[in-house]
Amino acid sequence: MDAVSSIVNTSATSLYISLFAISFNPTAWNIVARNEYKNRTITRTFGGNARYGCYFLAAMIFSFGMLRDHLYQRALADQPRVPLLPEPYATLVPVIMFALGQIFVVTSTYALGITGTFLGDYFGILMDHRVEGFPFNVLRDPMYVGSTLCFTATALWYERPAGLLVTLYVYIVYVIALRFEGPFTDMIYSKRGNAVKKEE
């Protein structure tokens, strides 16, 4: 028990708030997006304009993502500090990991565009072709990988072992989210493909 308490402050409320925020984001957006696909709730709110609805959801996802990251940093501040890597690696490794993570996140957003990144396909805004350039030619899910790298880098930078455990939780949450997102997105494009074939 003493060994655990030396690396994780389990009594810190901020830790549980951070874990809740990490769970909330992909869960909430999957629920909202699926509802949008079936009922067009957000689109109808914006007078039938699916693009405006998608931009609204994008702003919400981005804002809650920033809040999640802020809550994660606050949680780390309440956790024990334990040196994890010797210098110069204690500085170099997190910097390189964070930079790489940001490259994956930013380049995938650029490649997909706003609607492609923020669940536009659930609004009926479909891409003409599958994106196969960088970073999708390197990773299947570069945004999730990039985000996980950034969580890891932050934990290493602040030297908080608890942050590495939170990062493991992030990874698990993302894996579960992808099990729901991937097949549903494939179904949307499959239906579009079948509809195009019928029209030919």
Protein backbone atom coordinates (compact mmCIF):
# COMPACT_ATOMS: atom_id res chain seq x y z
CA MET A 1 0.00 0.00 0.00
CA ASP A 2 2.85 2.38 0.82
CA ALA A 3 4.42 1.62 -2.57
CA VAL A 4 1.18 2.58 -4.33
CA SER A 5 0.70 5.75 -2.29
CA SER A 6 4.22 6.82 -3.13
CA ILE A 7 3.31 7.11 -6.81
CA VAL A 8 -0.47 7.64 -6.78
CA ASN A 9 -2.46 9.93 -4.51
CA THR A 10 -5.74 8.03 -4.59
CA SER A 11 -7.43 10.54 -2.30
CA ALA A 12 -7.05 13.39 -4.81
CA THR A 13 -10.45 14.37 -6.18
CA SER A 14 -8.78 15.91 -9.22
CA LEU A 15 -7.64 12.45 -10.32
CA TYR A 16 -11.18 11.13 -10.53
CA ILE A 17 -12.45 14.29 -12.22
CA SER A 18 -9.74 13.82 -14.85
CA LEU A 19 -10.67 10.17 -15.38
CA PHE A 20 -14.32 11.17 -15.73
CA ALA A 21 -13.47 13.80 -18.35
CA ILE A 22 -11.36 11.29 -20.28
CA SER A 23 -14.26 8.82 -20.31
CA PHE A 24 -16.91 11.45 -21.00
CA ASN A 25 -15.52 12.89 -24.21
CA PRO A 26 -15.45 9.91 -26.62
CA THR A 27 -18.53 8.39 -24.99
CA ALA A 28 -20.61 11.56 -25.27
CA TRP A 29 -19.54 12.32 -28.83
CA ASN A 30 -20.30 8.80 -29.99
CA ILE A 31 -23.80 9.02 -28.48
CA VAL A 32 -24.40 12.51 -29.90
CA ALA A 33 -23.10 11.52 -33.34
CA ARG A 34 -25.19 8.38 -33.56
CA ASN A 35 -28.27 10.34 -32.53
CA GLU A 36 -27.43 12.88 -35.22
CA TYR A 37 -27.14 10.16 -37.84
CA LYS A 38 -30.54 8.72 -36.92
CA ASN A 39 -32.53 11.82 -35.92
CA ARG A 40 -30.64 14.84 -37.32
CA THR A 41 -31.20 16.66 -34.02
CA ILE A 42 -28.32 19.14 -34.36
CA THR A 43 -28.95 19.68 -38.07
CA ARG A 44 -32.59 20.56 -37.40
CA THR A 45 -31.46 22.95 -34.64
CA PHE A 46 -29.44 24.81 -37.28
CA GLY A 47 -32.34 25.05 -39.71
CA GLY A 48 -31.42 21.96 -41.67
CA ASN A 49 -27.84 23.05 -42.35
CA ALA A 50 -25.73 19.96 -41.67
CA ARG A 51 -22.44 21.82 -42.13
CA TYR A 52 -23.29 24.42 -39.46
CA GLY A 53 -24.36 21.61 -37.16
CA CYS A 54 -21.06 19.82 -37.71
CA TYR A 55 -19.11 23.03 -37.03
CA PHE A 56 -21.04 23.45 -33.79
CA LEU A 57 -20.20 19.90 -32.72
CA ALA A 58 -16.56 20.48 -33.73
CA ALA A 59 -16.41 23.53 -31.46
CA MET A 60 -17.91 21.52 -28.61
CA ILE A 61 -15.51 18.60 -29.08
CA PHE A 62 -12.51 20.93 -29.29
CA SER A 63 -13.58 22.91 -26.21
CA PHE A 64 -14.20 19.83 -24.11
CA GLY A 65 -10.89 18.43 -25.30
CA MET A 66 -9.12 21.53 -24.00
CA LEU A 67 -11.00 21.21 -20.70
CA ARG A 68 -10.01 17.53 -20.46
CA ASP A 69 -6.35 18.43 -20.97
CA HIS A 70 -6.57 21.17 -18.34
CA LEU A 71 -8.15 18.78 -15.83
CA TYR A 72 -5.41 16.24 -16.57
CA GLN A 73 -2.70 18.78 -15.78
CA ARG A 74 -4.48 19.77 -12.58
CA ALA A 75 -4.69 16.12 -11.59
CA LEU A 76 -0.96 15.69 -12.18
CA ALA A 77 -0.24 18.65 -9.91
CA ASP A 78 -1.89 16.76 -7.04
CA GLN A 79 0.14 13.60 -7.61
CA PRO A 80 3.54 12.58 -6.15
CA ARG A 81 6.54 13.60 -8.20
CA VAL A 82 9.01 10.79 -8.86
CA PRO A 83 11.96 11.04 -11.27
CA LEU A 84 11.22 8.68 -14.15
CA LEU A 85 14.11 9.19 -16.55
CA PRO A 86 17.71 10.38 -16.11
CA GLU A 87 18.83 13.59 -17.79
CA PRO A 88 19.00 14.47 -20.60
CA TYR A 89 16.27 11.91 -21.40
CA ALA A 90 13.93 13.38 -18.77
CA THR A 91 13.72 16.44 -21.01
CA LEU A 92 14.34 15.03 -24.48
CA VAL A 93 11.96 12.07 -24.41
CA PRO A 94 8.79 13.97 -23.41
CA VAL A 95 9.58 16.83 -25.79
CA ILE A 96 10.05 14.46 -28.72
CA MET A 97 6.96 12.42 -27.80
CA PHE A 98 4.80 15.53 -27.43
CA ALA A 99 6.05 16.98 -30.73
CA LEU A 100 5.38 13.68 -32.51
CA GLY A 101 1.94 13.42 -30.95
CA GLN A 102 1.06 16.95 -32.05
CA ILE A 103 2.33 16.23 -35.57
CA PHE A 104 -0.03 13.24 -35.80
CA VAL A 105 -2.99 15.23 -34.46
CA VAL A 106 -2.43 18.35 -36.56
CA THR A 107 -1.59 16.59 -39.84
CA SER A 108 -4.55 14.22 -39.54
CA THR A 109 -6.85 17.18 -38.90
CA TYR A 110 -5.40 18.95 -41.93
CA ALA A 111 -5.79 15.85 -44.10
CA LEU A 112 -9.39 15.24 -43.05
CA GLY A 113 -10.56 18.83 -42.75
CA ILE A 114 -12.99 20.04 -40.09
CA THR A 115 -15.95 17.92 -41.16
CA GLY A 116 -13.80 14.84 -41.73
CA THR A 117 -12.19 15.19 -38.32
CA PHE A 118 -15.26 16.05 -36.28
CA LEU A 119 -17.76 13.36 -37.26
CA GLY A 120 -19.10 15.02 -40.38
CA ASP A 121 -20.00 11.63 -41.83
CA TYR A 122 -22.67 11.28 -39.14
CA PHE A 123 -24.18 14.50 -40.50
CA GLY A 124 -24.22 13.07 -44.01
CA ILE A 125 -21.11 15.04 -45.04
CA LEU A 126 -19.08 12.26 -46.59
CA MET A 127 -15.61 12.40 -48.09
CA ASP A 128 -15.20 11.43 -51.74
CA HIS A 129 -12.22 9.19 -51.13
CA ARG A 130 -10.49 7.53 -48.21
CA VAL A 131 -7.53 9.61 -47.01
CA GLU A 132 -4.40 7.56 -47.59
CA GLY A 133 -1.62 10.16 -47.27
CA PHE A 134 0.39 11.04 -44.18
CA PRO A 135 -0.26 10.32 -41.35
CA PHE A 136 -2.83 7.71 -42.40
CA ASN A 137 -0.22 5.85 -44.41
CA VAL A 138 1.71 5.38 -41.16
CA LEU A 139 -1.07 4.82 -38.62
CA ARG A 140 -4.70 3.74 -38.86
CA ASP A 141 -5.83 6.09 -36.08
CA PRO A 142 -3.23 8.88 -35.89
CA MET A 143 -5.38 11.26 -33.86
CA TYR A 144 -5.88 8.78 -31.04
CA VAL A 145 -2.24 7.69 -31.17
CA GLY A 146 -1.09 11.32 -31.18
CA SER A 147 -3.32 12.19 -28.23
CA THR A 148 -2.03 9.19 -26.26
CA LEU A 149 1.56 10.22 -26.98
CA CYS A 150 0.80 13.72 -25.65
CA PHE A 151 -0.69 12.30 -22.43
CA THR A 152 2.41 10.15 -21.97
CA ALA A 153 4.76 13.04 -22.69
CA THR A 154 3.00 15.28 -20.18
CA ALA A 155 3.28 12.63 -17.45
CA LEU A 156 7.00 12.22 -18.18
CA TRP A 157 7.61 15.98 -18.33
CA TYR A 158 6.04 16.56 -14.92
CA GLU A 159 7.53 13.32 -13.58
CA ARG A 160 4.22 11.93 -12.37
CA PRO A 161 3.94 8.11 -12.43
CA ALA A 162 0.21 8.49 -11.85
CA GLY A 163 0.04 10.22 -15.21
CA LEU A 164 1.33 7.09 -16.90
CA LEU A 165 -1.47 5.10 -15.28
CA VAL A 166 -3.96 7.70 -16.49
CA THR A 167 -2.45 7.39 -19.96
CA LEU A 168 -3.04 3.65 -19.86
CA TYR A 169 -6.67 4.42 -19.03
CA VAL A 170 -6.77 6.85 -21.97
CA TYR A 171 -5.52 4.10 -24.27
CA ILE A 172 -8.20 1.67 -23.03
CA VAL A 173 -10.94 4.28 -23.49
CA TYR A 174 -9.75 5.00 -27.03
CA VAL A 175 -9.62 1.30 -27.94
CA ILE A 176 -13.22 0.88 -26.74
CA ALA A 177 -14.34 4.03 -28.60
CA LEU A 178 -12.76 2.79 -31.83
CA ARG A 179 -14.65 -0.50 -31.56
CA PHE A 180 -17.84 1.55 -31.82
CA GLU A 181 -16.68 4.28 -34.22
CA GLY A 182 -14.90 2.15 -36.81
CA PRO A 183 -17.67 -0.29 -37.75
CA PHE A 184 -20.34 2.43 -37.67
CA THR A 185 -18.34 4.70 -39.97
CA ASP A 186 -17.66 1.76 -42.31
CA MET A 187 -21.42 1.10 -42.39
CA ILE A 188 -22.15 4.72 -43.36
CA TYR A 189 -19.77 4.60 -46.30
CA SER A 190 -20.91 1.12 -47.29
CA LYS A 191 -24.50 2.37 -47.52
CA ARG A 192 -23.33 5.30 -49.64
CA GLY A 193 -21.42 2.93 -51.90
CA ASN A 194 -24.45 0.68 -52.33
CA ALA A 195 -26.66 3.67 -53.11
CA VAL A 196 -24.24 4.86 -55.79
CA LYS A 197 -24.16 1.41 -57.38
CA LYS A 198 -27.98 1.33 -57.55
CA GLU A 199 -28.03 4.68 -59.34
CA GLU A 200 -25.54 3.50 -61.97
